[in-house]
Protein backbone atom coordinates (compact mmCIF):
# COMPACT_ATOMS: atom_id res chain seq x y z
CA MET A 1 -28.85 -66.12 20.32
CA ALA A 2 -31.58 -63.91 18.78
CA SER A 3 -31.14 -61.12 16.84
CA GLY A 4 -32.35 -57.67 17.32
CA LYS A 5 -35.57 -57.22 17.74
CA PRO A 6 -38.06 -59.49 18.99
CA LYS A 7 -41.03 -60.76 16.38
CA LYS A 8 -44.23 -58.98 16.65
CA LYS A 9 -47.00 -61.37 16.92
CA ASN A 10 -50.45 -60.77 14.50
CA PRO A 11 -53.48 -59.23 16.69
CA ARG A 12 -56.04 -60.90 16.97
CA LEU A 13 -58.68 -59.00 16.77
CA ALA A 14 -59.84 -57.54 13.37
CA SER A 15 -59.70 -53.74 14.39
CA GLY A 16 -56.11 -54.71 15.95
CA ARG A 17 -55.06 -56.08 12.28
CA LYS A 18 -56.58 -52.90 10.56
CA ARG A 19 -54.42 -50.61 13.01
CA ALA A 20 -50.89 -52.79 12.15
CA ARG A 21 -51.98 -52.26 8.26
CA GLN A 22 -52.29 -48.39 9.02
CA ASP A 23 -49.34 -48.20 11.13
CA VAL A 24 -47.29 -49.29 7.74
CA LYS A 25 -48.65 -47.02 5.83
CA LEU A 26 -48.45 -44.08 8.38
CA ASN A 27 -45.14 -45.08 9.47
CA ALA A 28 -43.48 -44.96 5.98
CA ALA A 29 -45.38 -41.69 4.90
CA ASN A 30 -43.77 -40.05 8.09
CA THR A 31 -40.52 -41.74 7.05
CA SER A 32 -40.61 -40.08 3.46
CA LEU A 33 -41.17 -36.69 5.12
CA ARG A 34 -38.33 -36.78 8.08
CA SER A 35 -36.31 -37.74 5.28
CA LYS A 36 -37.43 -34.63 3.06
CA TYR A 37 -37.31 -31.86 5.88
CA ARG A 38 -33.89 -33.01 7.05
CA THR A 39 -32.59 -32.71 3.15
CA ALA A 40 -34.12 -29.70 2.71
CA VAL A 41 -32.21 -28.07 5.70
CA LYS A 42 -28.73 -30.08 4.67
CA ASN A 43 -29.39 -28.34 1.29
CA VAL A 44 -29.49 -24.64 3.04
CA GLU A 45 -26.73 -25.72 4.80
CA LYS A 46 -24.22 -26.28 2.09
CA ALA A 47 -25.12 -23.69 0.15
CA VAL A 48 -24.08 -21.54 2.84
CA LEU A 49 -20.81 -23.31 3.78
CA ALA A 50 -20.10 -22.95 -0.31
CA GLY A 51 -20.94 -19.02 -0.29
CA ASP A 52 -23.48 -19.03 -2.81
CA LYS A 53 -26.14 -16.40 -1.65
CA THR A 54 -28.86 -16.51 -4.22
CA LYS A 55 -28.77 -20.65 -4.29
CA ALA A 56 -28.63 -20.38 -0.28
CA THR A 57 -31.98 -17.71 0.10
CA GLU A 58 -33.73 -19.63 -2.86
CA LEU A 59 -33.39 -22.84 -1.31
CA PHE A 60 -34.20 -21.36 2.38
CA ALA A 61 -38.02 -20.40 1.27
CA LYS A 62 -38.42 -23.61 -0.38
CA MET A 63 -36.96 -25.04 2.89
CA GLN A 64 -39.78 -22.85 5.39
CA ALA A 65 -42.40 -24.58 3.18
CA VAL A 66 -41.27 -28.11 4.30
CA VAL A 67 -40.51 -27.16 7.57
CA ASP A 68 -43.75 -25.79 7.96
CA THR A 69 -45.72 -28.69 6.77
CA VAL A 70 -44.06 -31.37 8.74
CA ALA A 71 -44.16 -29.28 11.61
CA ASP A 72 -48.12 -28.90 11.11
CA LYS A 73 -48.28 -32.84 10.82
CA GLY A 74 -46.62 -33.32 14.04
CA ILE A 75 -43.93 -35.32 12.67
CA PHE A 76 -41.27 -32.80 14.52
CA HIS A 77 -42.79 -30.34 17.13
CA LYS A 78 -43.10 -26.96 16.22
CA ASN A 79 -40.94 -25.42 18.17
CA LYS A 80 -37.71 -27.59 16.56
CA ALA A 81 -39.25 -26.40 13.23
CA ALA A 82 -38.90 -22.94 14.78
CA ARG A 83 -35.81 -23.16 16.09
CA ASP A 84 -34.20 -24.80 12.75
CA LYS A 85 -35.99 -21.73 10.36
CA SER A 86 -34.08 -19.29 12.77
CA ARG A 87 -30.59 -20.57 12.70
CA LEU A 88 -30.51 -21.01 9.05
CA SER A 89 -32.20 -17.76 8.64
CA THR A 90 -29.53 -16.20 10.90
CA LYS A 91 -26.65 -17.85 8.61
CA VAL A 92 -28.39 -17.02 5.50
CA LYS A 93 -28.50 -13.24 6.49
CA ALA A 94 -24.81 -13.45 7.65
CA LEU A 95 -24.34 -14.95 4.11
CA ALA A 96 -25.84 -11.56 2.19
CA LEU A 97 -24.00 -8.93 4.79
CA ALA A 98 -20.91 -10.56 3.97
């Protein structure tokens, strides 16, 4: 039987072929930024779990910039970005108080 997704047909019109080429580039850029976002969040969570207050606060500051950039570009919704920043800031502050 056929495997996975059906094969995509090539567009006939020149504008459609150009759109397909652009989509490949945009998809690569968005995938890269999405990965950077998830890595930044994961690094802060690891630092919090390790109990390293200084590293967590430093990584949190860097993470905020990445999250804001990704939200501005529309890769993740701005409310998701705000929610992630809020939850992580709570964890970092709890670590600072402990």
